[in-house]
N, C-alpha and C. Protein backbone atom coordinates (compact mmCIF):
# COMPACT_ATOMS: atom_id res chain seq x y z
N MET A 1 -56.71 76.33 74.25
CA MET A 1 -56.38 77.34 73.27
C MET A 1 -54.91 77.72 73.42
N SER A 2 -54.34 78.21 72.33
CA SER A 2 -52.97 78.68 72.38
C SER A 2 -52.86 79.98 71.61
N ALA A 3 -51.77 80.70 71.89
CA ALA A 3 -51.51 81.96 71.21
C ALA A 3 -50.23 81.82 70.40
N SER A 4 -50.22 82.39 69.20
CA SER A 4 -49.03 82.37 68.34
C SER A 4 -48.29 83.68 68.46
N LYS A 5 -46.98 83.57 68.40
CA LYS A 5 -46.16 84.78 68.51
C LYS A 5 -44.85 84.54 67.76
N VAL A 6 -44.38 85.54 67.04
CA VAL A 6 -43.05 85.50 66.42
C VAL A 6 -42.18 86.50 67.15
N MET A 7 -41.02 86.04 67.59
CA MET A 7 -40.06 86.88 68.30
C MET A 7 -38.76 86.88 67.53
N LYS A 8 -38.17 88.05 67.36
CA LYS A 8 -36.87 88.14 66.69
C LYS A 8 -35.86 88.74 67.66
N LEU A 9 -34.74 88.03 67.81
CA LEU A 9 -33.67 88.47 68.69
C LEU A 9 -32.34 88.37 67.96
N VAL A 10 -31.38 89.14 68.43
CA VAL A 10 -30.01 89.03 67.94
C VAL A 10 -29.17 88.49 69.10
N ALA A 11 -28.39 87.45 68.82
CA ALA A 11 -27.52 86.84 69.83
C ALA A 11 -26.07 87.21 69.52
N ARG A 12 -25.38 87.67 70.55
CA ARG A 12 -23.96 88.00 70.40
C ARG A 12 -23.18 87.12 71.39
N PRO A 13 -22.26 86.31 70.88
CA PRO A 13 -21.51 85.40 71.74
C PRO A 13 -20.77 86.13 72.87
N VAL A 14 -20.87 85.54 74.07
CA VAL A 14 -20.16 86.05 75.24
C VAL A 14 -18.95 85.17 75.52
N ARG A 15 -19.19 83.86 75.53
CA ARG A 15 -18.11 82.93 75.84
C ARG A 15 -18.43 81.56 75.28
N ARG A 16 -17.37 80.84 74.87
CA ARG A 16 -17.50 79.47 74.39
C ARG A 16 -16.26 78.71 74.81
N GLU A 17 -16.47 77.56 75.40
CA GLU A 17 -15.37 76.67 75.81
C GLU A 17 -15.61 75.31 75.19
N VAL A 18 -14.56 74.69 74.68
CA VAL A 18 -14.65 73.36 74.11
C VAL A 18 -13.89 72.40 75.01
N PHE A 19 -14.54 71.30 75.35
CA PHE A 19 -13.93 70.25 76.17
C PHE A 19 -13.82 69.01 75.30
N ALA A 20 -12.59 68.71 74.85
CA ALA A 20 -12.36 67.62 73.90
C ALA A 20 -11.38 66.60 74.47
N LYS A 21 -11.64 65.32 74.23
CA LYS A 21 -10.72 64.26 74.64
C LYS A 21 -9.39 64.40 73.93
N ASP A 22 -9.45 64.72 72.63
CA ASP A 22 -8.27 64.85 71.80
C ASP A 22 -8.40 66.14 71.01
N PRO A 23 -7.57 67.14 71.28
CA PRO A 23 -7.69 68.42 70.58
C PRO A 23 -7.50 68.34 69.07
N GLU A 24 -6.94 67.24 68.59
CA GLU A 24 -6.67 67.06 67.16
C GLU A 24 -7.79 66.35 66.41
N ALA A 25 -8.76 65.77 67.13
CA ALA A 25 -9.82 65.00 66.47
C ALA A 25 -11.12 65.09 67.26
N VAL A 26 -12.25 64.97 66.54
CA VAL A 26 -13.56 64.96 67.19
C VAL A 26 -13.80 63.57 67.76
N SER A 27 -14.27 63.53 69.01
CA SER A 27 -14.54 62.25 69.69
C SER A 27 -15.93 62.25 70.31
N LEU A 28 -16.50 61.07 70.45
CA LEU A 28 -17.77 60.91 71.12
C LEU A 28 -17.67 61.50 72.52
N GLY A 29 -18.64 62.34 72.89
CA GLY A 29 -18.65 62.95 74.22
C GLY A 29 -18.00 64.33 74.28
N ASP A 30 -17.30 64.77 73.24
CA ASP A 30 -16.75 66.12 73.24
C ASP A 30 -17.90 67.11 73.43
N ARG A 31 -17.63 68.22 74.15
CA ARG A 31 -18.67 69.20 74.45
C ARG A 31 -18.22 70.62 74.14
N SER A 32 -19.19 71.42 73.78
CA SER A 32 -19.00 72.86 73.64
C SER A 32 -20.03 73.52 74.56
N VAL A 33 -19.55 74.38 75.45
CA VAL A 33 -20.42 75.10 76.39
C VAL A 33 -20.35 76.58 76.01
N PHE A 34 -21.52 77.24 75.92
CA PHE A 34 -21.51 78.60 75.40
C PHE A 34 -22.60 79.45 76.02
N SER A 35 -22.46 80.78 75.82
CA SER A 35 -23.46 81.74 76.26
C SER A 35 -23.46 82.92 75.28
N HIS A 36 -24.66 83.48 75.07
CA HIS A 36 -24.84 84.67 74.22
C HIS A 36 -25.62 85.72 74.99
N ALA A 37 -25.33 86.98 74.73
CA ALA A 37 -26.19 88.08 75.17
C ALA A 37 -27.28 88.22 74.10
N LEU A 38 -28.52 88.44 74.52
CA LEU A 38 -29.65 88.54 73.59
C LEU A 38 -30.14 89.98 73.51
N PHE A 39 -30.38 90.44 72.28
CA PHE A 39 -30.77 91.82 72.04
C PHE A 39 -32.06 91.89 71.22
N ASP A 40 -32.88 92.88 71.57
CA ASP A 40 -34.04 93.28 70.77
C ASP A 40 -33.68 94.68 70.27
N GLY A 41 -33.27 94.78 69.00
CA GLY A 41 -32.72 96.05 68.51
C GLY A 41 -31.40 96.30 69.21
N ASP A 42 -31.27 97.48 69.83
CA ASP A 42 -30.03 97.83 70.53
C ASP A 42 -30.10 97.54 72.03
N THR A 43 -31.25 97.02 72.49
CA THR A 43 -31.46 96.80 73.91
C THR A 43 -31.18 95.35 74.29
N GLU A 44 -30.29 95.16 75.27
CA GLU A 44 -30.03 93.81 75.77
C GLU A 44 -31.22 93.37 76.61
N VAL A 45 -31.80 92.21 76.27
CA VAL A 45 -33.02 91.75 76.93
C VAL A 45 -32.84 90.44 77.69
N GLY A 46 -31.67 89.85 77.64
CA GLY A 46 -31.45 88.60 78.36
C GLY A 46 -30.22 87.88 77.85
N PHE A 47 -30.18 86.59 78.11
CA PHE A 47 -29.05 85.79 77.66
C PHE A 47 -29.49 84.35 77.47
N ASP A 48 -28.67 83.59 76.75
CA ASP A 48 -28.90 82.16 76.65
C ASP A 48 -27.63 81.44 77.01
N GLY A 49 -27.74 80.15 77.21
CA GLY A 49 -26.58 79.33 77.50
C GLY A 49 -26.92 77.89 77.20
N GLY A 50 -25.91 77.15 76.79
CA GLY A 50 -26.19 75.76 76.46
C GLY A 50 -24.95 74.91 76.30
N VAL A 51 -25.23 73.65 75.98
CA VAL A 51 -24.20 72.64 75.79
C VAL A 51 -24.51 71.85 74.54
N CYS A 52 -23.51 71.66 73.67
CA CYS A 52 -23.62 70.77 72.52
C CYS A 52 -22.66 69.61 72.76
N THR A 53 -23.14 68.39 72.57
CA THR A 53 -22.35 67.18 72.82
C THR A 53 -22.31 66.31 71.58
N VAL A 54 -21.12 65.82 71.23
CA VAL A 54 -20.98 64.89 70.11
C VAL A 54 -21.57 63.54 70.54
N VAL A 55 -22.59 63.07 69.80
CA VAL A 55 -23.28 61.83 70.14
C VAL A 55 -23.08 60.73 69.09
N ARG A 56 -22.50 61.10 67.94
CA ARG A 56 -22.23 60.11 66.90
C ARG A 56 -21.05 60.62 66.09
N ASN A 57 -20.11 59.74 65.81
CA ASN A 57 -18.93 60.11 65.05
C ASN A 57 -18.48 58.90 64.26
N GLU A 58 -18.92 58.84 62.99
CA GLU A 58 -18.57 57.71 62.13
C GLU A 58 -18.19 58.22 60.75
N ALA A 59 -17.16 57.62 60.19
CA ALA A 59 -16.72 57.92 58.83
C ALA A 59 -16.51 59.42 58.61
N GLY A 60 -15.94 60.08 59.60
CA GLY A 60 -15.65 61.50 59.47
C GLY A 60 -16.84 62.43 59.61
N GLU A 61 -18.01 61.90 59.94
CA GLU A 61 -19.21 62.70 60.15
C GLU A 61 -19.55 62.70 61.64
N ALA A 62 -19.55 63.88 62.24
CA ALA A 62 -19.91 64.00 63.65
C ALA A 62 -21.27 64.67 63.77
N TYR A 63 -22.09 64.17 64.70
CA TYR A 63 -23.41 64.73 64.96
C TYR A 63 -23.48 65.14 66.42
N ILE A 64 -24.17 66.27 66.66
CA ILE A 64 -24.26 66.81 68.01
C ILE A 64 -25.72 67.02 68.41
N VAL A 65 -25.95 66.95 69.72
CA VAL A 65 -27.22 67.34 70.32
C VAL A 65 -26.92 68.57 71.16
N CYS A 66 -27.72 69.62 70.95
CA CYS A 66 -27.55 70.86 71.70
C CYS A 66 -28.79 71.14 72.53
N ASN A 67 -28.58 71.41 73.82
CA ASN A 67 -29.65 71.79 74.74
C ASN A 67 -29.34 73.19 75.24
N VAL A 68 -30.29 74.11 75.03
CA VAL A 68 -30.07 75.52 75.32
C VAL A 68 -31.30 76.09 76.01
N SER A 69 -31.08 77.07 76.90
CA SER A 69 -32.18 77.80 77.52
C SER A 69 -31.91 79.29 77.43
N MET A 70 -33.00 80.06 77.30
CA MET A 70 -32.93 81.52 77.28
C MET A 70 -33.51 82.06 78.57
N PHE A 71 -32.87 83.08 79.10
CA PHE A 71 -33.39 83.80 80.25
C PHE A 71 -33.81 85.18 79.77
N LEU A 72 -35.12 85.44 79.83
CA LEU A 72 -35.70 86.70 79.36
C LEU A 72 -36.48 87.34 80.51
N PRO A 73 -36.78 88.64 80.43
CA PRO A 73 -37.48 89.30 81.54
C PRO A 73 -38.83 88.66 81.91
N GLU A 74 -39.53 88.07 80.93
CA GLU A 74 -40.86 87.53 81.19
C GLU A 74 -40.87 86.02 81.41
N GLY A 75 -39.68 85.39 81.44
CA GLY A 75 -39.61 83.95 81.67
C GLY A 75 -38.46 83.32 80.90
N THR A 76 -38.47 82.01 80.85
CA THR A 76 -37.42 81.28 80.15
C THR A 76 -38.01 80.48 79.00
N ILE A 77 -37.16 80.16 78.02
CA ILE A 77 -37.53 79.30 76.89
C ILE A 77 -36.41 78.29 76.71
N SER A 78 -36.78 77.00 76.58
CA SER A 78 -35.79 75.95 76.36
C SER A 78 -35.96 75.38 74.95
N PHE A 79 -34.83 75.04 74.34
CA PHE A 79 -34.87 74.47 73.00
C PHE A 79 -33.76 73.45 72.80
N GLN A 80 -33.92 72.62 71.78
CA GLN A 80 -32.97 71.53 71.51
C GLN A 80 -32.88 71.30 70.01
N THR A 81 -31.68 70.90 69.56
CA THR A 81 -31.52 70.52 68.17
C THR A 81 -30.55 69.36 68.06
N PHE A 82 -30.64 68.65 66.94
CA PHE A 82 -29.77 67.51 66.62
C PHE A 82 -29.29 67.78 65.20
N MET A 83 -27.97 67.88 65.01
CA MET A 83 -27.47 68.26 63.69
C MET A 83 -26.05 67.76 63.46
N ARG A 84 -25.66 67.81 62.19
CA ARG A 84 -24.28 67.48 61.85
C ARG A 84 -23.40 68.62 62.34
N GLU A 85 -22.27 68.27 62.92
CA GLU A 85 -21.37 69.30 63.44
C GLU A 85 -20.61 69.96 62.30
N GLU A 86 -20.75 71.27 62.24
CA GLU A 86 -20.01 72.11 61.29
C GLU A 86 -19.68 73.40 62.02
N PHE A 87 -18.50 73.92 61.78
CA PHE A 87 -18.16 75.21 62.39
C PHE A 87 -17.52 76.09 61.34
N PRO A 88 -18.12 77.22 61.04
CA PRO A 88 -19.38 77.71 61.62
C PRO A 88 -20.57 76.96 61.02
N PRO A 89 -21.64 76.84 61.77
CA PRO A 89 -22.81 76.11 61.26
C PRO A 89 -23.57 76.92 60.22
N PRO A 90 -24.25 76.22 59.31
CA PRO A 90 -25.16 76.91 58.40
C PRO A 90 -26.44 77.28 59.16
N PRO A 91 -27.35 78.08 58.59
CA PRO A 91 -28.63 78.33 59.26
C PRO A 91 -29.35 77.00 59.53
N PHE A 92 -30.05 76.93 60.68
CA PHE A 92 -30.72 75.69 61.07
C PHE A 92 -31.91 75.99 61.97
N TYR A 93 -32.71 74.95 62.25
CA TYR A 93 -33.88 75.06 63.13
C TYR A 93 -33.66 74.27 64.41
N THR A 94 -34.29 74.74 65.48
CA THR A 94 -34.31 74.02 66.75
C THR A 94 -35.77 73.85 67.18
N ALA A 95 -36.01 72.84 67.98
CA ALA A 95 -37.35 72.62 68.54
C ALA A 95 -37.46 73.38 69.86
N ILE A 96 -38.54 74.14 70.01
CA ILE A 96 -38.82 74.80 71.29
C ILE A 96 -39.53 73.78 72.16
N LEU A 97 -38.95 73.49 73.32
CA LEU A 97 -39.44 72.41 74.18
C LEU A 97 -40.37 72.87 75.28
N GLY A 98 -40.31 74.14 75.65
CA GLY A 98 -41.15 74.61 76.75
C GLY A 98 -40.63 75.93 77.28
N GLY A 99 -41.27 76.40 78.33
CA GLY A 99 -40.86 77.66 78.92
C GLY A 99 -41.54 77.89 80.25
N THR A 100 -41.21 79.03 80.85
CA THR A 100 -41.80 79.44 82.13
C THR A 100 -42.35 80.85 81.98
N GLY A 101 -43.13 81.29 82.96
CA GLY A 101 -43.67 82.65 82.95
C GLY A 101 -44.53 82.89 81.73
N ALA A 102 -44.26 83.97 81.01
CA ALA A 102 -45.04 84.31 79.81
C ALA A 102 -44.89 83.26 78.72
N TYR A 103 -43.89 82.40 78.84
CA TYR A 103 -43.63 81.37 77.83
C TYR A 103 -44.02 79.96 78.30
N ARG A 104 -44.84 79.92 79.36
CA ARG A 104 -45.28 78.63 79.91
C ARG A 104 -45.94 77.80 78.82
N GLY A 105 -45.51 76.56 78.71
CA GLY A 105 -46.08 75.65 77.74
C GLY A 105 -45.66 75.93 76.30
N ALA A 106 -44.62 76.74 76.11
CA ALA A 106 -44.19 77.12 74.76
C ALA A 106 -43.82 75.90 73.93
N ARG A 107 -44.21 75.95 72.68
CA ARG A 107 -43.86 74.94 71.68
C ARG A 107 -43.59 75.68 70.38
N GLY A 108 -43.01 74.99 69.42
CA GLY A 108 -42.75 75.58 68.12
C GLY A 108 -41.33 75.31 67.70
N GLU A 109 -40.80 76.23 66.88
CA GLU A 109 -39.42 76.07 66.46
C GLU A 109 -38.77 77.44 66.32
N MET A 110 -37.46 77.40 66.35
CA MET A 110 -36.69 78.63 66.22
C MET A 110 -35.71 78.45 65.07
N HIS A 111 -35.64 79.45 64.21
CA HIS A 111 -34.65 79.47 63.13
C HIS A 111 -33.45 80.26 63.64
N ILE A 112 -32.27 79.67 63.49
CA ILE A 112 -31.03 80.34 63.90
C ILE A 112 -30.19 80.55 62.65
N ASP A 113 -29.81 81.80 62.42
CA ASP A 113 -28.94 82.15 61.32
C ASP A 113 -27.64 82.70 61.91
N PRO A 114 -26.60 81.86 61.98
CA PRO A 114 -25.31 82.34 62.48
C PRO A 114 -24.60 83.15 61.39
N ALA A 115 -25.06 84.38 61.18
CA ALA A 115 -24.62 85.22 60.07
C ALA A 115 -23.12 85.51 60.10
N SER A 116 -22.55 85.61 61.29
CA SER A 116 -21.12 85.84 61.45
C SER A 116 -20.71 85.32 62.82
N PRO A 117 -19.41 85.24 63.10
CA PRO A 117 -18.99 84.79 64.43
C PRO A 117 -19.51 85.68 65.56
N ASP A 118 -19.83 86.95 65.25
CA ASP A 118 -20.26 87.89 66.29
C ASP A 118 -21.76 88.17 66.31
N THR A 119 -22.51 87.66 65.32
CA THR A 119 -23.93 87.97 65.23
C THR A 119 -24.72 86.75 64.76
N HIS A 120 -25.69 86.33 65.57
CA HIS A 120 -26.61 85.26 65.21
C HIS A 120 -28.02 85.83 65.28
N TYR A 121 -28.83 85.51 64.28
CA TYR A 121 -30.22 85.98 64.27
C TYR A 121 -31.14 84.84 64.67
N TYR A 122 -31.97 85.09 65.68
CA TYR A 122 -32.94 84.11 66.17
C TYR A 122 -34.34 84.57 65.76
N THR A 123 -35.11 83.68 65.14
CA THR A 123 -36.53 83.93 64.87
C THR A 123 -37.31 82.81 65.52
N LEU A 124 -38.04 83.13 66.58
CA LEU A 124 -38.82 82.14 67.32
C LEU A 124 -40.26 82.17 66.85
N HIS A 125 -40.77 81.00 66.47
CA HIS A 125 -42.17 80.82 66.11
C HIS A 125 -42.80 80.06 67.28
N LEU A 126 -43.42 80.80 68.18
CA LEU A 126 -43.92 80.27 69.44
C LEU A 126 -45.41 80.01 69.43
N GLU A 127 -45.78 78.91 70.02
CA GLU A 127 -47.17 78.63 70.39
C GLU A 127 -47.14 78.53 71.92
N THR A 128 -47.85 79.42 72.62
CA THR A 128 -47.84 79.40 74.08
C THR A 128 -49.22 79.10 74.62
N ALA A 129 -49.27 78.62 75.86
CA ALA A 129 -50.54 78.28 76.50
C ALA A 129 -51.32 79.57 76.76
N ASP A 130 -52.59 79.54 76.46
CA ASP A 130 -53.49 80.66 76.74
C ASP A 130 -54.16 80.37 78.08
N ASP A 131 -54.22 81.34 78.95
CA ASP A 131 -54.88 81.12 80.26
C ASP A 131 -56.35 81.42 80.19
């Protein structure tokens, strides 16, 4: 059996660093490393951090794979996405790959709406293991 849960969080960027072979052009292997503070309303409830890596770059189209994890009071949640690189990105979905603690065995997807450079809205549609 599993339990369904929808979680809504607001992410506020803390830091982002870009590691590029050539600062003037996108190259295979370029990385962006980042972290956000996570809020439920006005209360900070945790943080996330991740890495996006350019894995394909042909004819002016770059694609990235992003691996990210959230640290929350009741456990962690990991997610991944594969998308065309755009900055700022349009709203998109990520796959929830798993979790620990209260999120053990988590699956589902998360919608990310990067509404502004300072505010991203996360809506997690979780299926978690029932004990």
